[in-house]
Amino acid sequence: MSFDALHLLALRRKADLASLVQAGGIDGAVLEAALAPAIADGRVIQARGLYVLAPAGAAWLQSQYPQVFAATRADSVLAAEYQRFELINRELKTLITQWQTLEVGGKPVLNDHSNADHDARILDRLAALHERAEAQIACMAARLPRLGRYALRLSEALDRAEAGELDWVSSIRCDSYHTVWFEMHEDLLRLLDKRREE
C-alpha cells in the first residue's frame, strides 16, 4: 500500500488528503496509514495540510517501478493500445492550446473566453475527442482495470465544462479535463517506462 500511496502522490505532485482520496479512490484512513511511514523516513514531506513527494521518495519509486510494473511493461497488447492512445494525446494537446489561446493579427494571445462561439466550437471538438478517448481508455483498462477511473474523472470534468464551468477544461485549480488527462498520461509513462514527448 505504501507504493500505491507514493505513486499516487507522484502523479499529483502536491496534494491534500481529500484530493488524493478523490483521485485514487482509496479510503482516507488507509491512505494516511500508508503515508505515515514514508513521512517518518523522509520519502514524503507533510506541511500545512499538503503532502509532497521528497527526492528520496522519488528515487525510491524509481527503484521499485521495474519490479512492480514488470508484467505491465511486458504486455505487448497494452503497449500497442498505448501507441493508439498517444495519437489522441497529440490531438488533445493541440485542442487545449486552441482553448487557451486565440489568434489575433496572426499572433497567439491568451483566450479571455469572451468569444462564446470559439469556446463552443472547441468544447464540441473536445466532446468528440472524449468519445474516442473513452473507447481507448476502455481498451487499456481491459488490461489494467485501475485506468478506468480516469475515464470517470474525465467525464465529470467534461460535464462541468459543458454546463458552463469553463475552468473545468484546463485550469490547474481544479480536476479539469486537462489536469486529469495529464495525470493519466504521467501514470501511463511511469507504468510503461516511456518518456513524455516535448
N, C-alpha and C. Protein backbone atom coordinates (compact mmCIF):
# COMPACT_ATOMS: atom_id res chain seq x y z
N MET A 1 0.82 -1.21 0.00
CA MET A 1 0.00 0.00 0.00
C MET A 1 0.86 1.26 0.00
N SER A 2 2.04 1.17 0.62
CA SER A 2 2.95 2.32 0.64
C SER A 2 3.34 2.71 -0.78
N PHE A 3 3.59 1.71 -1.63
CA PHE A 3 3.95 2.01 -3.02
C PHE A 3 2.80 2.73 -3.71
N ASP A 4 1.59 2.21 -3.58
CA ASP A 4 0.43 2.82 -4.24
C ASP A 4 0.25 4.27 -3.80
N ALA A 5 0.41 4.53 -2.51
CA ALA A 5 0.24 5.88 -1.99
C ALA A 5 1.29 6.83 -2.55
N LEU A 6 2.55 6.39 -2.60
CA LEU A 6 3.61 7.26 -3.12
C LEU A 6 3.49 7.45 -4.62
N HIS A 7 3.08 6.40 -5.32
CA HIS A 7 2.87 6.54 -6.76
C HIS A 7 1.76 7.54 -7.05
N LEU A 8 0.68 7.46 -6.30
CA LEU A 8 -0.42 8.41 -6.45
C LEU A 8 0.05 9.83 -6.17
N LEU A 9 0.84 10.00 -5.13
CA LEU A 9 1.36 11.33 -4.80
C LEU A 9 2.29 11.84 -5.89
N ALA A 10 3.07 10.95 -6.49
CA ALA A 10 3.97 11.35 -7.58
C ALA A 10 3.16 11.89 -8.77
N LEU A 11 2.00 11.31 -9.01
CA LEU A 11 1.16 11.76 -10.12
C LEU A 11 0.52 13.11 -9.81
N ARG A 12 0.16 13.32 -8.54
CA ARG A 12 -0.49 14.56 -8.14
C ARG A 12 0.53 15.68 -7.85
N ARG A 13 1.77 15.30 -7.59
CA ARG A 13 2.88 16.22 -7.28
C ARG A 13 2.77 16.83 -5.89
N LYS A 14 1.67 17.53 -5.64
CA LYS A 14 1.44 18.13 -4.32
C LYS A 14 -0.06 18.07 -4.10
N ALA A 15 -0.50 17.55 -2.94
CA ALA A 15 -1.93 17.38 -2.76
C ALA A 15 -2.29 17.26 -1.29
N ASP A 16 -3.52 17.64 -0.97
CA ASP A 16 -4.04 17.37 0.36
C ASP A 16 -4.67 15.98 0.36
N LEU A 17 -5.06 15.52 1.52
CA LEU A 17 -5.58 14.16 1.64
C LEU A 17 -6.87 13.98 0.84
N ALA A 18 -7.73 14.97 0.87
CA ALA A 18 -9.02 14.86 0.17
C ALA A 18 -8.82 14.67 -1.33
N SER A 19 -7.90 15.41 -1.93
CA SER A 19 -7.69 15.28 -3.37
C SER A 19 -7.02 13.95 -3.71
N LEU A 20 -6.18 13.44 -2.82
CA LEU A 20 -5.58 12.12 -3.04
C LEU A 20 -6.64 11.03 -2.97
N VAL A 21 -7.55 11.15 -2.01
CA VAL A 21 -8.66 10.20 -1.89
C VAL A 21 -9.52 10.23 -3.14
N GLN A 22 -9.84 11.44 -3.59
CA GLN A 22 -10.70 11.60 -4.77
C GLN A 22 -10.03 11.04 -6.02
N ALA A 23 -8.74 11.27 -6.16
CA ALA A 23 -8.02 10.81 -7.35
C ALA A 23 -7.80 9.31 -7.35
N GLY A 24 -7.49 8.77 -6.19
CA GLY A 24 -7.13 7.36 -6.14
C GLY A 24 -8.23 6.41 -5.76
N GLY A 25 -9.34 6.96 -5.25
CA GLY A 25 -10.43 6.09 -4.81
C GLY A 25 -10.02 5.21 -3.64
N ILE A 26 -9.11 5.72 -2.83
CA ILE A 26 -8.60 4.98 -1.67
C ILE A 26 -9.16 5.62 -0.40
N ASP A 27 -9.57 4.81 0.56
CA ASP A 27 -10.09 5.31 1.82
C ASP A 27 -9.06 6.22 2.50
N GLY A 28 -9.55 7.34 3.05
CA GLY A 28 -8.65 8.32 3.65
C GLY A 28 -7.81 7.78 4.78
N ALA A 29 -8.41 6.98 5.65
CA ALA A 29 -7.67 6.42 6.79
C ALA A 29 -6.59 5.46 6.31
N VAL A 30 -6.93 4.67 5.30
CA VAL A 30 -5.95 3.73 4.73
C VAL A 30 -4.79 4.50 4.10
N LEU A 31 -5.13 5.57 3.40
CA LEU A 31 -4.11 6.38 2.73
C LEU A 31 -3.20 7.06 3.75
N GLU A 32 -3.78 7.61 4.80
CA GLU A 32 -2.97 8.24 5.85
C GLU A 32 -2.02 7.24 6.49
N ALA A 33 -2.53 6.03 6.75
CA ALA A 33 -1.70 4.99 7.36
C ALA A 33 -0.56 4.58 6.43
N ALA A 34 -0.82 4.58 5.11
CA ALA A 34 0.22 4.20 4.15
C ALA A 34 1.27 5.29 4.01
N LEU A 35 0.86 6.55 4.16
CA LEU A 35 1.80 7.66 4.02
C LEU A 35 2.64 7.89 5.28
N ALA A 36 2.12 7.48 6.43
CA ALA A 36 2.80 7.76 7.70
C ALA A 36 4.25 7.28 7.74
N PRO A 37 4.56 6.01 7.36
CA PRO A 37 5.96 5.59 7.42
C PRO A 37 6.84 6.34 6.41
N ALA A 38 6.25 6.74 5.29
CA ALA A 38 7.03 7.48 4.30
C ALA A 38 7.35 8.89 4.79
N ILE A 39 6.45 9.47 5.58
CA ILE A 39 6.73 10.76 6.21
C ILE A 39 7.84 10.59 7.25
N ALA A 40 7.73 9.52 8.01
CA ALA A 40 8.71 9.26 9.09
C ALA A 40 10.11 9.06 8.55
N ASP A 41 10.25 8.40 7.38
CA ASP A 41 11.60 8.13 6.87
C ASP A 41 12.05 9.13 5.80
N GLY A 42 11.27 10.19 5.59
CA GLY A 42 11.71 11.28 4.72
C GLY A 42 11.40 11.12 3.25
N ARG A 43 10.61 10.12 2.88
CA ARG A 43 10.23 9.99 1.47
C ARG A 43 9.11 10.94 1.08
N VAL A 44 8.31 11.36 2.06
CA VAL A 44 7.21 12.29 1.84
C VAL A 44 7.32 13.42 2.86
N ILE A 45 7.03 14.63 2.40
CA ILE A 45 7.01 15.81 3.28
C ILE A 45 5.55 16.21 3.48
N GLN A 46 5.17 16.45 4.72
CA GLN A 46 3.84 16.92 5.04
C GLN A 46 3.94 18.28 5.70
N ALA A 47 3.26 19.26 5.13
CA ALA A 47 3.29 20.61 5.70
C ALA A 47 2.02 21.35 5.31
N ARG A 48 1.43 22.03 6.25
CA ARG A 48 0.23 22.85 6.02
C ARG A 48 -0.88 22.07 5.33
N GLY A 49 -1.03 20.82 5.73
CA GLY A 49 -2.12 20.02 5.19
C GLY A 49 -1.85 19.43 3.82
N LEU A 50 -0.65 19.64 3.29
CA LEU A 50 -0.30 19.13 1.96
C LEU A 50 0.78 18.07 2.06
N TYR A 51 0.72 17.12 1.14
CA TYR A 51 1.74 16.09 1.02
C TYR A 51 2.54 16.35 -0.25
N VAL A 52 3.86 16.21 -0.15
CA VAL A 52 4.75 16.39 -1.30
C VAL A 52 5.75 15.24 -1.31
N LEU A 53 5.97 14.68 -2.49
CA LEU A 53 6.96 13.62 -2.62
C LEU A 53 8.36 14.22 -2.52
N ALA A 54 9.15 13.75 -1.57
CA ALA A 54 10.52 14.24 -1.39
C ALA A 54 11.43 13.56 -2.41
N PRO A 55 12.63 14.13 -2.68
CA PRO A 55 13.57 13.49 -3.60
C PRO A 55 13.84 12.03 -3.23
N ALA A 56 13.92 11.74 -1.94
CA ALA A 56 14.16 10.34 -1.52
C ALA A 56 12.99 9.46 -1.93
N GLY A 57 11.79 9.99 -1.87
CA GLY A 57 10.60 9.24 -2.27
C GLY A 57 10.57 9.00 -3.77
N ALA A 58 10.96 10.02 -4.53
CA ALA A 58 11.01 9.87 -5.99
C ALA A 58 12.04 8.81 -6.38
N ALA A 59 13.19 8.83 -5.71
CA ALA A 59 14.24 7.84 -6.01
C ALA A 59 13.78 6.44 -5.62
N TRP A 60 13.09 6.34 -4.49
CA TRP A 60 12.58 5.03 -4.05
C TRP A 60 11.58 4.48 -5.07
N LEU A 61 10.68 5.33 -5.55
CA LEU A 61 9.70 4.88 -6.55
C LEU A 61 10.40 4.38 -7.81
N GLN A 62 11.37 5.14 -8.27
CA GLN A 62 12.09 4.74 -9.49
C GLN A 62 12.76 3.38 -9.31
N SER A 63 13.21 3.10 -8.10
CA SER A 63 13.85 1.80 -7.84
C SER A 63 12.82 0.67 -7.79
N GLN A 64 11.58 1.00 -7.48
CA GLN A 64 10.52 0.00 -7.36
C GLN A 64 9.82 -0.30 -8.68
N TYR A 65 9.74 0.69 -9.56
CA TYR A 65 8.96 0.55 -10.79
C TYR A 65 9.31 -0.68 -11.64
N PRO A 66 10.59 -0.95 -11.89
CA PRO A 66 10.89 -2.11 -12.76
C PRO A 66 10.31 -3.42 -12.26
N GLN A 67 10.31 -3.62 -10.96
CA GLN A 67 9.77 -4.86 -10.41
C GLN A 67 8.24 -4.82 -10.35
N VAL A 68 7.69 -3.73 -9.81
CA VAL A 68 6.24 -3.64 -9.62
C VAL A 68 5.51 -3.66 -10.96
N PHE A 69 6.08 -2.99 -11.96
CA PHE A 69 5.41 -2.87 -13.26
C PHE A 69 5.99 -3.82 -14.31
N ALA A 70 6.73 -4.83 -13.89
CA ALA A 70 7.37 -5.74 -14.85
C ALA A 70 6.36 -6.38 -15.79
N ALA A 71 5.28 -6.92 -15.27
CA ALA A 71 4.28 -7.58 -16.11
C ALA A 71 3.60 -6.60 -17.04
N THR A 72 3.31 -5.40 -16.53
CA THR A 72 2.67 -4.37 -17.35
C THR A 72 3.57 -3.98 -18.51
N ARG A 73 4.86 -3.81 -18.23
CA ARG A 73 5.80 -3.40 -19.27
C ARG A 73 6.05 -4.49 -20.30
N ALA A 74 5.77 -5.72 -19.93
CA ALA A 74 5.96 -6.84 -20.86
C ALA A 74 4.70 -7.16 -21.66
N ASP A 75 3.61 -6.42 -21.41
CA ASP A 75 2.32 -6.67 -22.05
C ASP A 75 2.30 -6.01 -23.43
N SER A 76 2.49 -6.80 -24.49
CA SER A 76 2.57 -6.25 -25.85
C SER A 76 1.23 -5.67 -26.31
N VAL A 77 0.13 -6.23 -25.84
CA VAL A 77 -1.19 -5.70 -26.21
C VAL A 77 -1.37 -4.31 -25.62
N LEU A 78 -1.03 -4.14 -24.35
CA LEU A 78 -1.13 -2.83 -23.72
C LEU A 78 -0.20 -1.83 -24.39
N ALA A 79 0.98 -2.27 -24.78
CA ALA A 79 1.93 -1.38 -25.47
C ALA A 79 1.34 -0.87 -26.78
N ALA A 80 0.66 -1.74 -27.52
CA ALA A 80 0.03 -1.34 -28.78
C ALA A 80 -1.13 -0.38 -28.52
N GLU A 81 -1.91 -0.65 -27.48
CA GLU A 81 -3.02 0.25 -27.13
C GLU A 81 -2.49 1.62 -26.72
N TYR A 82 -1.37 1.63 -26.02
CA TYR A 82 -0.76 2.89 -25.61
C TYR A 82 -0.36 3.73 -26.83
N GLN A 83 0.18 3.10 -27.85
CA GLN A 83 0.56 3.83 -29.06
C GLN A 83 -0.65 4.49 -29.70
N ARG A 84 -1.79 3.81 -29.68
CA ARG A 84 -3.02 4.40 -30.21
C ARG A 84 -3.48 5.56 -29.33
N PHE A 85 -3.30 5.40 -28.04
CA PHE A 85 -3.64 6.48 -27.10
C PHE A 85 -2.81 7.72 -27.38
N GLU A 86 -1.53 7.54 -27.69
CA GLU A 86 -0.64 8.67 -27.94
C GLU A 86 -1.12 9.53 -29.12
N LEU A 87 -1.74 8.92 -30.10
CA LEU A 87 -2.28 9.69 -31.23
C LEU A 87 -3.37 10.64 -30.75
N ILE A 88 -4.23 10.15 -29.86
CA ILE A 88 -5.28 11.00 -29.29
C ILE A 88 -4.66 12.06 -28.38
N ASN A 89 -3.62 11.68 -27.66
CA ASN A 89 -2.94 12.62 -26.77
C ASN A 89 -2.40 13.82 -27.54
N ARG A 90 -1.83 13.60 -28.70
CA ARG A 90 -1.31 14.71 -29.51
C ARG A 90 -2.44 15.64 -29.94
N GLU A 91 -3.57 15.07 -30.29
CA GLU A 91 -4.72 15.88 -30.69
C GLU A 91 -5.22 16.72 -29.51
N LEU A 92 -5.23 16.10 -28.32
CA LEU A 92 -5.71 16.83 -27.15
C LEU A 92 -4.79 18.02 -26.85
N LYS A 93 -3.49 17.84 -26.97
CA LYS A 93 -2.56 18.93 -26.70
C LYS A 93 -2.84 20.12 -27.62
N THR A 94 -3.09 19.82 -28.89
CA THR A 94 -3.42 20.88 -29.85
C THR A 94 -4.72 21.56 -29.47
N LEU A 95 -5.70 20.78 -29.09
CA LEU A 95 -7.02 21.30 -28.72
C LEU A 95 -6.93 22.20 -27.49
N ILE A 96 -6.16 21.79 -26.50
CA ILE A 96 -6.01 22.60 -25.29
C ILE A 96 -5.31 23.92 -25.61
N THR A 97 -4.33 23.88 -26.48
CA THR A 97 -3.66 25.11 -26.91
C THR A 97 -4.66 26.05 -27.57
N GLN A 98 -5.53 25.49 -28.40
CA GLN A 98 -6.54 26.30 -29.08
C GLN A 98 -7.59 26.83 -28.10
N TRP A 99 -7.81 26.11 -27.01
CA TRP A 99 -8.72 26.59 -25.97
C TRP A 99 -8.09 27.75 -25.19
N GLN A 100 -6.81 27.65 -24.92
CA GLN A 100 -6.14 28.62 -24.07
C GLN A 100 -5.70 29.88 -24.81
N THR A 101 -5.62 29.81 -26.14
CA THR A 101 -5.16 30.96 -26.92
C THR A 101 -6.08 31.23 -28.11
N LEU A 102 -6.02 32.46 -28.58
CA LEU A 102 -6.72 32.88 -29.80
C LEU A 102 -5.69 33.53 -30.72
N GLU A 103 -5.93 33.48 -32.00
CA GLU A 103 -5.03 34.15 -32.94
C GLU A 103 -5.61 35.52 -33.27
N VAL A 104 -4.85 36.56 -32.95
CA VAL A 104 -5.25 37.94 -33.23
C VAL A 104 -4.13 38.60 -34.01
N GLY A 105 -4.46 39.03 -35.22
CA GLY A 105 -3.43 39.66 -36.07
C GLY A 105 -2.29 38.72 -36.38
N GLY A 106 -2.60 37.44 -36.50
CA GLY A 106 -1.58 36.45 -36.82
C GLY A 106 -0.72 36.03 -35.65
N LYS A 107 -1.05 36.50 -34.44
CA LYS A 107 -0.26 36.15 -33.26
C LYS A 107 -1.17 35.53 -32.20
N PRO A 108 -0.65 34.53 -31.47
CA PRO A 108 -1.46 33.93 -30.40
C PRO A 108 -1.53 34.84 -29.18
N VAL A 109 -2.73 35.00 -28.65
CA VAL A 109 -2.93 35.75 -27.40
C VAL A 109 -3.77 34.88 -26.47
N LEU A 110 -3.68 35.17 -25.17
CA LEU A 110 -4.46 34.40 -24.20
C LEU A 110 -5.95 34.55 -24.47
N ASN A 111 -6.66 33.45 -24.41
CA ASN A 111 -8.10 33.45 -24.60
C ASN A 111 -8.77 33.97 -23.32
N ASP A 112 -9.47 35.09 -23.44
CA ASP A 112 -10.18 35.62 -22.26
C ASP A 112 -11.61 35.07 -22.18
N HIS A 113 -11.94 34.18 -23.10
CA HIS A 113 -13.23 33.48 -23.14
C HIS A 113 -14.42 34.43 -23.33
N SER A 114 -14.14 35.56 -23.99
CA SER A 114 -15.23 36.47 -24.33
C SER A 114 -15.89 36.09 -25.66
N ASN A 115 -15.22 35.22 -26.43
CA ASN A 115 -15.77 34.75 -27.71
C ASN A 115 -16.46 33.41 -27.47
N ALA A 116 -17.76 33.48 -27.20
CA ALA A 116 -18.51 32.27 -26.85
C ALA A 116 -18.55 31.28 -28.00
N ASP A 117 -18.60 31.77 -29.24
CA ASP A 117 -18.66 30.86 -30.40
C ASP A 117 -17.38 30.03 -30.50
N HIS A 118 -16.25 30.70 -30.31
CA HIS A 118 -14.96 29.99 -30.35
C HIS A 118 -14.93 28.90 -29.27
N ASP A 119 -15.31 29.27 -28.06
CA ASP A 119 -15.27 28.31 -26.96
C ASP A 119 -16.22 27.14 -27.21
N ALA A 120 -17.39 27.44 -27.77
CA ALA A 120 -18.36 26.38 -28.06
C ALA A 120 -17.82 25.40 -29.09
N ARG A 121 -17.12 25.91 -30.09
CA ARG A 121 -16.53 25.04 -31.12
C ARG A 121 -15.47 24.11 -30.51
N ILE A 122 -14.64 24.67 -29.64
CA ILE A 122 -13.59 23.86 -29.01
C ILE A 122 -14.22 22.81 -28.10
N LEU A 123 -15.25 23.19 -27.35
CA LEU A 123 -15.92 22.23 -26.46
C LEU A 123 -16.56 21.09 -27.27
N ASP A 124 -17.14 21.43 -28.43
CA ASP A 124 -17.72 20.39 -29.29
C ASP A 124 -16.64 19.42 -29.75
N ARG A 125 -15.49 19.95 -30.11
CA ARG A 125 -14.38 19.09 -30.56
C ARG A 125 -13.83 18.26 -29.40
N LEU A 126 -13.82 18.85 -28.20
CA LEU A 126 -13.35 18.12 -27.02
C LEU A 126 -14.30 16.96 -26.72
N ALA A 127 -15.60 17.21 -26.85
CA ALA A 127 -16.58 16.15 -26.59
C ALA A 127 -16.41 15.00 -27.58
N ALA A 128 -16.14 15.34 -28.85
CA ALA A 128 -15.93 14.31 -29.87
C ALA A 128 -14.65 13.52 -29.59
N LEU A 129 -13.60 14.24 -29.19
CA LEU A 129 -12.34 13.56 -28.85
C LEU A 129 -12.55 12.66 -27.62
N HIS A 130 -13.35 13.14 -26.68
CA HIS A 130 -13.59 12.36 -25.46
C HIS A 130 -14.23 11.00 -25.76
N GLU A 131 -15.13 10.97 -26.73
CA GLU A 131 -15.77 9.70 -27.10
C GLU A 131 -14.73 8.69 -27.56
N ARG A 132 -13.79 9.16 -28.37
CA ARG A 132 -12.72 8.28 -28.85
C ARG A 132 -11.79 7.90 -27.71
N ALA A 133 -11.49 8.87 -26.84
CA ALA A 133 -10.60 8.61 -25.71
C ALA A 133 -11.21 7.58 -24.77
N GLU A 134 -12.52 7.70 -24.51
CA GLU A 134 -13.19 6.74 -23.64
C GLU A 134 -13.03 5.31 -24.15
N ALA A 135 -13.21 5.16 -25.46
CA ALA A 135 -13.08 3.82 -26.06
C ALA A 135 -11.65 3.31 -25.91
N GLN A 136 -10.67 4.21 -26.10
CA GLN A 136 -9.28 3.79 -26.00
C GLN A 136 -8.88 3.48 -24.56
N ILE A 137 -9.37 4.29 -23.62
CA ILE A 137 -9.09 4.02 -22.21
C ILE A 137 -9.72 2.69 -21.80
N ALA A 138 -10.92 2.41 -22.32
CA ALA A 138 -11.58 1.13 -22.01
C ALA A 138 -10.74 -0.04 -22.50
N CYS A 139 -10.13 0.09 -23.66
CA CYS A 139 -9.26 -0.97 -24.19
C CYS A 139 -8.06 -1.19 -23.26
N MET A 140 -7.48 -0.09 -22.79
CA MET A 140 -6.33 -0.21 -21.90
C MET A 140 -6.77 -0.73 -20.53
N ALA A 141 -7.94 -0.29 -20.07
CA ALA A 141 -8.44 -0.72 -18.77
C ALA A 141 -8.78 -2.20 -18.76
N ALA A 142 -9.04 -2.77 -19.93
CA ALA A 142 -9.27 -4.22 -20.01
C ALA A 142 -8.02 -4.98 -19.61
N ARG A 143 -6.86 -4.37 -19.82
CA ARG A 143 -5.59 -4.97 -19.42
C ARG A 143 -5.18 -4.51 -18.01
N LEU A 144 -5.59 -3.30 -17.64
CA LEU A 144 -5.19 -2.70 -16.38
C LEU A 144 -6.40 -1.94 -15.82
N PRO A 145 -7.27 -2.63 -15.08
CA PRO A 145 -8.56 -2.07 -14.68
C PRO A 145 -8.52 -0.71 -13.99
N ARG A 146 -7.48 -0.42 -13.22
CA ARG A 146 -7.49 0.84 -12.49
C ARG A 146 -7.48 2.07 -13.40
N LEU A 147 -7.11 1.89 -14.67
CA LEU A 147 -7.13 3.01 -15.61
C LEU A 147 -8.55 3.49 -15.87
N GLY A 148 -9.53 2.62 -15.63
CA GLY A 148 -10.92 3.00 -15.86
C GLY A 148 -11.37 4.18 -15.01
N ARG A 149 -10.72 4.39 -13.88
CA ARG A 149 -11.08 5.52 -13.01
C ARG A 149 -10.85 6.86 -13.72
N TYR A 150 -9.86 6.92 -14.59
CA TYR A 150 -9.60 8.16 -15.30
C TYR A 150 -10.76 8.53 -16.22
N ALA A 151 -11.36 7.54 -16.86
CA ALA A 151 -12.48 7.81 -17.76
C ALA A 151 -13.63 8.48 -17.00
N LEU A 152 -13.89 8.02 -15.79
CA LEU A 152 -14.95 8.62 -14.97
C LEU A 152 -14.62 10.06 -14.62
N ARG A 153 -13.39 10.31 -14.23
CA ARG A 153 -12.98 11.67 -13.85
C ARG A 153 -12.99 12.61 -15.04
N LEU A 154 -12.60 12.11 -16.21
CA LEU A 154 -12.63 12.93 -17.42
C LEU A 154 -14.08 13.28 -17.79
N SER A 155 -14.97 12.31 -17.68
CA SER A 155 -16.38 12.56 -17.99
C SER A 155 -16.96 13.61 -17.06
N GLU A 156 -16.61 13.53 -15.78
CA GLU A 156 -17.10 14.52 -14.81
C GLU A 156 -16.61 15.92 -15.18
N ALA A 157 -15.34 16.03 -15.55
CA ALA A 157 -14.78 17.34 -15.92
C ALA A 157 -15.46 17.88 -17.17
N LEU A 158 -15.67 17.04 -18.17
CA LEU A 158 -16.32 17.48 -19.40
C LEU A 158 -17.75 17.92 -19.13
N ASP A 159 -18.48 17.18 -18.30
CA ASP A 159 -19.85 17.55 -17.96
C ASP A 159 -19.90 18.94 -17.34
N ARG A 160 -18.98 19.23 -16.44
CA ARG A 160 -18.97 20.53 -15.78
C ARG A 160 -18.60 21.64 -16.75
N ALA A 161 -17.65 21.36 -17.66
CA ALA A 161 -17.27 22.36 -18.66
C ALA A 161 -18.45 22.66 -19.59
N GLU A 162 -19.15 21.62 -20.01
CA GLU A 162 -20.28 21.81 -20.92
C GLU A 162 -21.45 22.50 -20.22
N ALA A 163 -21.48 22.42 -18.88
CA ALA A 163 -22.52 23.11 -18.11
C ALA A 163 -22.17 24.57 -17.86
N GLY A 164 -21.03 25.02 -18.38
CA GLY A 164 -20.66 26.42 -18.27
C GLY A 164 -19.53 26.73 -17.31
N GLU A 165 -19.01 25.72 -16.62
CA GLU A 165 -17.88 25.93 -15.70
C GLU A 165 -16.58 25.77 -16.50
N LEU A 166 -16.18 26.85 -17.16
CA LEU A 166 -15.10 26.76 -18.14
C LEU A 166 -13.75 26.40 -17.55
N ASP A 167 -13.55 26.64 -16.26
CA ASP A 167 -12.29 26.24 -15.62
C ASP A 167 -12.05 24.73 -15.75
N TRP A 168 -13.14 23.98 -15.92
CA TRP A 168 -13.03 22.52 -15.93
C TRP A 168 -12.49 21.97 -17.26
N VAL A 169 -12.13 22.88 -18.19
CA VAL A 169 -11.45 22.42 -19.40
C VAL A 169 -9.96 22.26 -19.14
N SER A 170 -9.32 23.31 -18.58
CA SER A 170 -7.86 23.21 -18.47
C SER A 170 -7.24 23.87 -17.25
N SER A 171 -8.03 24.38 -16.33
CA SER A 171 -7.46 25.06 -15.17
C SER A 171 -6.71 24.07 -14.27
N ILE A 172 -5.62 24.55 -13.67
CA ILE A 172 -4.88 23.73 -12.71
C ILE A 172 -5.47 23.87 -11.31
N ARG A 173 -6.48 24.73 -11.15
CA ARG A 173 -7.08 24.96 -9.84
C ARG A 173 -8.15 23.93 -9.49
N CYS A 174 -8.45 23.04 -10.41
CA CYS A 174 -9.46 22.01 -10.15
C CYS A 174 -9.06 20.75 -10.94
N ASP A 175 -9.84 19.70 -10.78
CA ASP A 175 -9.58 18.46 -11.52
C ASP A 175 -10.13 18.60 -12.95
N SER A 176 -9.61 19.59 -13.66
CA SER A 176 -10.08 19.88 -15.02
C SER A 176 -9.76 18.72 -15.97
N TYR A 177 -10.35 18.78 -17.15
CA TYR A 177 -10.12 17.73 -18.14
C TYR A 177 -8.62 17.59 -18.41
N HIS A 178 -7.96 18.70 -18.64
CA HIS A 178 -6.53 18.66 -18.96
C HIS A 178 -5.70 18.19 -17.77
N THR A 179 -6.08 18.60 -16.55
CA THR A 179 -5.35 18.17 -15.36
C THR A 179 -5.43 16.66 -15.18
N VAL A 180 -6.65 16.11 -15.32
CA VAL A 180 -6.83 14.66 -15.17
C VAL A 180 -6.11 13.92 -16.30
N TRP A 181 -6.20 14.46 -17.51
CA TRP A 181 -5.54 13.82 -18.66
C TRP A 181 -4.03 13.79 -18.45
N PHE A 182 -3.48 14.92 -18.00
CA PHE A 182 -2.03 15.00 -17.76
C PHE A 182 -1.61 13.95 -16.73
N GLU A 183 -2.42 13.81 -15.68
CA GLU A 183 -2.13 12.83 -14.63
C GLU A 183 -2.20 11.40 -15.19
N MET A 184 -3.22 11.13 -15.99
CA MET A 184 -3.35 9.80 -16.60
C MET A 184 -2.17 9.50 -17.52
N HIS A 185 -1.76 10.50 -18.30
CA HIS A 185 -0.63 10.31 -19.21
C HIS A 185 0.65 10.04 -18.42
N GLU A 186 0.84 10.79 -17.34
CA GLU A 186 2.02 10.57 -16.48
C GLU A 186 2.00 9.17 -15.89
N ASP A 187 0.82 8.71 -15.49
CA ASP A 187 0.68 7.36 -14.96
C ASP A 187 1.12 6.34 -16.00
N LEU A 188 0.64 6.50 -17.22
CA LEU A 188 0.99 5.56 -18.30
C LEU A 188 2.49 5.59 -18.61
N LEU A 189 3.07 6.78 -18.59
CA LEU A 189 4.51 6.90 -18.85
C LEU A 189 5.32 6.13 -17.80
N ARG A 190 4.90 6.26 -16.54
CA ARG A 190 5.60 5.56 -15.47
C ARG A 190 5.35 4.05 -15.54
N LEU A 191 4.12 3.68 -15.82
CA LEU A 191 3.78 2.27 -15.94
C LEU A 191 4.60 1.57 -17.01
N LEU A 192 4.73 2.25 -18.15
CA LEU A 192 5.32 1.61 -19.33
C LEU A 192 6.77 2.02 -19.59
N ASP A 193 7.32 2.85 -18.68
CA ASP A 193 8.71 3.31 -18.82
C ASP A 193 8.91 4.07 -20.12
N LYS A 194 8.03 5.04 -20.36
CA LYS A 194 8.12 5.89 -21.55
C LYS A 194 8.50 7.30 -21.14
N ARG A 195 8.92 8.10 -22.11
CA ARG A 195 9.25 9.50 -21.85
C ARG A 195 8.18 10.39 -22.48
N ARG A 196 7.90 11.50 -21.81
CA ARG A 196 6.93 12.46 -22.32
C ARG A 196 7.50 13.16 -23.55
N GLU A 197 6.70 13.25 -24.60
CA GLU A 197 7.12 13.97 -25.81
C GLU A 197 7.13 15.46 -25.52
N GLU A 198 8.16 16.14 -26.03
CA GLU A 198 8.24 17.60 -25.84
C GLU A 198 7.40 18.29 -26.90
